[in-house]
Protein backbone atom coordinates (compact mmCIF):
# COMPACT_ATOMS: atom_id res chain seq x y z
CA MET A 1 -0.10 0.02 -0.06
CA LYS A 2 1.53 3.41 -0.94
CA LYS A 3 1.49 5.88 1.81
CA ALA A 4 1.43 9.61 1.85
CA ALA A 5 1.46 12.38 4.61
CA ALA A 6 -0.36 15.75 4.56
CA VAL A 7 0.60 18.93 6.48
CA LEU A 8 -2.32 21.28 7.09
CA CYS A 9 -1.25 24.97 7.69
CA GLY A 10 -4.29 26.81 6.45
CA GLY A 11 -5.50 27.78 10.10
CA ARG A 12 -5.58 31.37 11.27
CA SER A 13 -3.12 30.87 14.21
CA SER A 14 -5.05 33.59 16.11
CA ARG A 15 -3.58 32.66 19.54
CA MET A 16 0.05 32.55 18.04
CA GLY A 17 -0.42 36.05 16.36
CA ARG A 18 1.56 34.80 13.32
CA ASP A 19 1.52 31.77 10.99
CA LYS A 20 2.59 28.66 12.86
CA ALA A 21 3.99 27.21 9.63
CA LEU A 22 6.58 29.97 9.34
CA LEU A 23 7.89 29.90 13.03
CA PRO A 24 11.56 29.27 13.16
CA TRP A 25 12.75 25.84 14.31
CA ARG A 26 16.25 24.42 14.07
CA GLY A 27 17.32 26.73 11.23
CA ARG A 28 14.28 26.19 9.26
CA THR A 29 10.57 27.07 9.37
CA LEU A 30 8.20 24.59 11.16
CA VAL A 31 6.51 23.54 7.91
CA GLU A 32 9.94 22.78 6.38
CA HIS A 33 10.95 20.75 9.46
CA THR A 34 7.72 18.79 9.36
CA VAL A 35 7.93 18.10 5.67
CA GLY A 36 11.48 16.81 6.17
CA ILE A 37 10.40 14.27 8.78
CA LEU A 38 7.47 13.12 6.82
CA ARG A 39 9.65 12.65 3.64
CA GLU A 40 11.57 10.08 5.40
CA VAL A 41 8.70 7.68 5.87
CA THR A 42 6.20 8.26 3.09
CA ASP A 43 6.02 8.10 -0.72
CA GLU A 44 4.56 11.66 -1.21
CA VAL A 45 4.04 14.83 1.05
CA ILE A 46 1.19 17.16 0.45
CA VAL A 47 1.08 20.63 2.23
CA VAL A 48 -2.43 22.17 2.37
CA GLY A 49 -2.34 26.00 2.82
CA SER A 50 -4.49 29.04 2.36
CA GLN A 51 -4.07 31.54 -0.47
CA GLU A 52 -2.79 34.09 1.79
CA LEU A 53 0.10 31.96 3.34
CA ARG A 54 3.37 32.64 1.64
CA LEU A 55 5.24 29.36 2.08
CA PRO A 56 9.00 28.71 1.45
CA PRO A 57 10.03 26.28 -1.24
CA LEU A 58 9.01 22.87 -0.07
CA ALA A 59 9.94 19.24 -1.19
CA ALA A 60 6.24 18.70 -1.22
CA LYS A 61 3.05 19.02 -3.45
CA VAL A 62 1.38 22.36 -2.25
CA VAL A 63 -2.41 22.64 -2.65
CA THR A 64 -4.68 25.46 -1.67
CA ASP A 65 -7.50 24.84 0.85
CA ARG A 66 -10.59 26.06 -1.04
CA GLU A 67 -12.49 26.77 2.15
CA PRO A 68 -9.80 27.33 4.80
CA GLN A 69 -12.48 29.12 7.09
CA LEU A 70 -14.18 25.58 7.54
CA GLY A 71 -11.33 24.18 9.74
CA PRO A 72 -9.32 20.86 9.56
CA LEU A 73 -11.89 18.66 7.94
CA ALA A 74 -11.89 20.86 4.84
CA GLY A 75 -8.05 20.57 4.79
CA ILE A 76 -8.29 16.77 5.05
CA ARG A 77 -10.59 16.86 2.26
CA GLU A 78 -8.10 18.68 0.15
CA ALA A 79 -5.31 16.07 1.06
CA LEU A 80 -7.43 13.16 0.32
CA GLU A 81 -8.23 14.54 -3.19
CA ALA A 82 -4.64 15.44 -3.92
CA ALA A 83 -2.96 12.24 -2.72
CA ARG A 84 -1.98 9.51 -5.22
CA ALA A 85 -1.43 7.03 -2.20
CA ASP A 86 -4.17 5.04 -0.56
CA LEU A 87 -3.36 6.01 2.93
CA ILE A 88 -2.51 9.52 4.29
CA TYR A 89 -1.13 10.50 7.53
CA VAL A 90 -2.53 13.89 8.47
CA THR A 91 -0.74 16.36 10.73
CA GLY A 92 -0.69 20.07 11.65
CA THR A 93 2.43 22.09 11.05
CA ASP A 94 2.98 22.79 14.80
CA VAL A 95 4.51 19.40 15.76
CA PRO A 96 8.27 20.17 16.18
CA PHE A 97 8.83 16.95 18.17
CA LEU A 98 7.15 14.72 15.52
CA GLY A 99 9.34 11.47 15.15
CA PRO A 100 9.54 9.19 11.97
CA ASP A 101 8.80 6.03 14.02
CA PHE A 102 5.61 7.54 15.36
CA VAL A 103 4.44 8.24 11.80
CA ARG A 104 5.44 4.69 10.78
CA HIS A 105 3.43 3.16 13.50
CA VAL A 106 0.29 5.01 12.83
CA LEU A 107 0.52 4.07 9.13
CA SER A 108 1.44 0.45 9.87
CA TYR A 109 -2.16 -0.69 10.35
CA GLU A 110 -2.72 0.03 6.72
CA SER A 111 -6.16 1.42 7.48
CA SER A 112 -7.75 4.51 9.14
CA ALA A 113 -6.13 4.79 12.68
CA ALA A 114 -5.55 7.33 15.38
CA PRO A 115 -3.80 7.70 18.63
CA PHE A 116 -6.26 7.48 21.58
CA VAL A 117 -4.49 8.98 24.56
CA ASP A 118 -5.96 10.07 27.93
CA GLY A 119 -9.31 9.58 26.56
CA PHE A 120 -8.77 11.76 23.64
CA VAL A 121 -8.64 10.93 19.82
CA HIS A 122 -5.81 12.81 18.17
CA THR A 123 -7.42 13.42 14.75
CA MET A 124 -4.45 15.48 13.68
CA ALA A 125 -1.98 12.81 14.05
CA ALA A 126 -4.10 10.15 12.34
CA ALA A 127 -4.13 8.06 9.21
CA TYR A 128 -7.07 8.45 6.81
CA CYS A 129 -7.88 6.08 3.77
CA LYS A 130 -8.24 7.95 0.52
CA SER A 131 -11.52 6.15 0.02
CA LEU A 132 -12.84 8.51 2.71
CA LEU A 133 -13.06 11.44 0.31
CA GLU A 134 -16.74 11.14 -0.50
CA ASP A 135 -17.53 10.77 3.11
CA ALA A 136 -15.54 14.00 3.74
CA ASN A 137 -17.38 15.89 1.07
CA ALA A 138 -20.68 14.72 2.54
CA LEU A 139 -19.82 15.64 6.12
CA ILE A 140 -18.82 19.11 4.82
CA ALA A 141 -22.08 19.43 3.06
CA GLN A 142 -23.93 18.60 6.34
CA ARG A 143 -21.57 21.02 8.17
CA ARG A 144 -20.57 18.13 10.52
CA MET A 145 -17.17 19.43 10.73
CA ARG A 146 -15.30 17.33 13.24
CA PRO A 147 -12.52 14.98 11.65
CA LEU A 148 -13.58 12.47 14.30
CA PHE A 149 -16.73 12.03 12.39
CA LEU A 150 -14.63 11.21 9.24
CA LEU A 151 -12.63 8.60 11.18
CA GLU A 152 -15.93 7.00 12.54
CA GLN A 153 -17.07 6.44 9.02
CA ALA A 154 -14.14 4.10 8.59
CA ASP A 155 -14.45 2.30 11.88
CA PHE A 156 -11.00 3.38 12.62
CA ARG A 157 -8.46 1.76 14.83
CA ARG A 158 -7.88 3.43 18.12
CA ILE A 159 -4.08 3.29 18.96
CA ARG A 160 -3.39 3.12 22.73
CA SER A 161 -0.63 5.20 24.18
CA GLU A 162 1.46 2.17 25.29
CA GLU A 163 1.54 1.00 21.73
CA LEU A 164 3.02 4.25 20.34
CA PRO A 165 6.76 4.99 20.06
CA GLU A 166 7.97 8.67 20.29
CA LEU A 167 4.82 9.75 22.18
CA GLU A 168 6.15 13.29 22.38
CA SER A 169 5.27 13.57 18.71
CA LEU A 170 1.66 14.62 20.03
CA ARG A 171 3.11 17.70 21.76
CA GLY A 172 1.99 20.70 19.81
CA LEU A 173 2.55 24.34 20.08
CA ASN A 174 -0.68 26.01 20.66
CA THR A 175 0.43 29.17 22.40
CA PRO A 176 3.33 31.78 22.19
CA GLN A 177 4.48 30.53 25.50
CA ALA A 178 4.69 26.92 24.40
CA TYR A 179 6.65 27.84 21.38
CA LEU A 180 9.13 29.96 23.30
CA GLU A 181 9.64 27.38 25.94
CA ALA A 182 10.29 24.73 23.24
CA VAL A 183 12.67 26.85 21.06
CA ARG A 184 14.77 28.18 23.85
CA ALA A 185 15.55 24.70 24.74
CA VAL A 186 16.91 23.65 21.39
CA ASP A 187 18.20 26.79 19.48
CA PRO A 188 20.51 29.50 21.05
CA GLU A 189 20.33 31.70 18.01
CA PRO A 190 19.18 35.36 18.62
CA VAL A 191 16.52 37.52 17.05
CA ASP A 192 18.12 40.02 14.71
CA ILE A 193 16.78 43.64 15.08
CA GLU A 194 17.26 46.41 12.76
CA PHE A 195 16.53 50.07 13.45
CA LEU A 196 15.30 52.34 10.60
CA GLY A 197 14.78 56.15 10.42
CA MET A 198 13.93 57.71 13.66
CA ALA A 199 14.57 54.52 15.61
CA LYS A 200 18.21 54.22 14.09
CA HIS A 201 18.85 57.88 15.02
CA ARG A 202 17.71 57.40 18.60
CA ALA A 203 19.46 54.21 19.01
CA GLY A 204 22.78 55.43 17.64
CA GLN A 205 23.40 52.36 15.58
CA GLN A 206 21.61 50.26 13.01
CA ASP A 207 21.18 46.74 14.60
CA TRP A 208 21.64 44.53 17.47
CA GLN A 209 20.66 40.99 18.64
CA THR A 210 18.68 39.63 21.61
CA PRO A 211 17.34 36.12 22.64
CA PRO A 212 13.91 34.90 21.37
CA GLY A 213 10.81 36.23 23.25
CA SER A 214 7.48 37.92 22.78
CA LEU A 215 7.36 41.17 21.12
CA ARG A 216 6.87 42.81 24.61
CA ASP A 217 9.83 41.05 26.04
CA ILE A 218 12.06 41.95 23.23
CA LEU A 219 10.94 45.63 23.18
CA LEU A 220 11.49 45.80 26.93
CA ARG A 221 15.19 44.47 26.56
CA THR A 222 15.61 46.92 23.64
CA GLN A 223 14.34 49.85 25.70
CA THR A 224 16.79 49.00 28.64
CA ARG A 225 19.73 48.91 26.00
CA PHE A 226 18.62 51.99 24.21
CA PRO A 227 16.54 54.29 26.69
CA ALA A 228 16.35 56.98 24.14
CA LEU A 229 14.02 55.04 21.81
CA GLY A 230 11.07 55.21 24.14
CA LEU A 231 9.59 51.92 22.78
CA VAL A 232 7.62 51.15 25.83
CA GLU A 233 5.52 53.94 27.73
CA ASP A 234 3.72 53.18 30.94
CA ASP A 235 3.90 49.46 30.09
CA GLU A 236 2.36 49.99 26.82
CA ILE A 237 4.10 49.60 23.44
CA SER A 238 4.55 53.11 22.01
CA LYS A 239 2.36 54.10 19.04
CA HIS A 240 5.19 56.12 17.69
CA TYR A 241 6.73 52.97 16.16
CA ALA A 242 5.94 50.35 13.74
CA PHE A 243 7.33 46.70 13.99
CA SER A 244 7.77 44.67 10.85
CA LEU A 245 8.45 40.90 11.17
CA ASN A 246 10.62 39.38 8.33
CA GLU A 247 9.26 42.14 6.05
CA THR A 248 6.03 40.14 5.62
CA GLN A 249 3.82 41.40 8.29
CA PHE A 250 3.45 44.40 10.76
CA LEU A 251 3.01 43.12 14.27
CA GLY A 252 0.05 44.41 16.37
CA SER A 253 -0.01 42.11 19.36
CA ALA A 254 2.55 42.37 22.20
CA THR A 255 2.23 38.50 22.68
CA VAL A 256 3.65 37.53 19.27
CA PRO A 257 6.56 35.23 19.63
CA LEU A 258 9.84 35.92 17.88
CA GLY A 259 12.21 33.06 17.33
CA PRO A 260 15.84 32.40 16.42
CA ARG A 261 16.97 34.41 13.31
CA ASP A 262 13.59 36.23 12.96
CA ARG A 263 14.29 39.78 11.79
CA LEU A 264 12.39 42.62 13.39
CA LEU A 265 12.44 45.97 11.91
CA ILE A 266 11.68 48.88 14.19
CA LEU A 267 10.72 52.20 12.42
CA GLY A 268 8.80 55.28 13.04
CA ALA A 269 4.98 54.81 12.58
CA TYR A 270 4.72 57.85 10.49
CA ALA A 271 6.19 58.61 6.90
CA GLY A 272 8.11 55.26 6.89
CA GLY A 273 10.20 56.17 9.94
């Protein structure tokens, strides 16, 4: 039986404040890391993303989720449709501790199967038969949007925790705090900060580096190092500045995490700095 894997990365990442797929991890983005693990153990890898998500070049087939607002079941439908293989392992992109033996084991039953740990079915670490495509379409039409409903259509195998190798594969990164805790343990590289315009003038230099942290953490450290900047006022981030992450998005939330080799541009909020 040919086997594939699919990475779903079309979610809004509202709690993270930035796309989880693009978070730095061990010198790559999380989506690149996840694709690399899956390529070790499957015949093909599919990445399902939204039209807005700017993915890096990947050794995978990239497809667009036509209805990303519907959640993971819609992404699973796209993966089942795109796959050539008969069995597809489905995961999110925020699984930095995913192990190849874990994926091999879930796929080894050669049928729909999912880990059943602490009374919870892990539908985003599960194997789905391609033959479930029409069932997925039917469930979406009925707006029955839980992936568990799709697995139940297949009378899937529940895999107990004691059967599973590399159980930490189930550890996800759902919050900025979870990401920062994980990344600090594996990657010592700093965040690169560049000052432009007014910020450069007040700092007296063009750039510096600081360890990963939330935007608030990083600005507080920067404020301590360069008091003349006035980045934080009365515990609030100054509205006189704009903060650009990797030249792809302006940050509005103080809790957004910045990881190793992220690049933060600090510039005046008016007239480009």
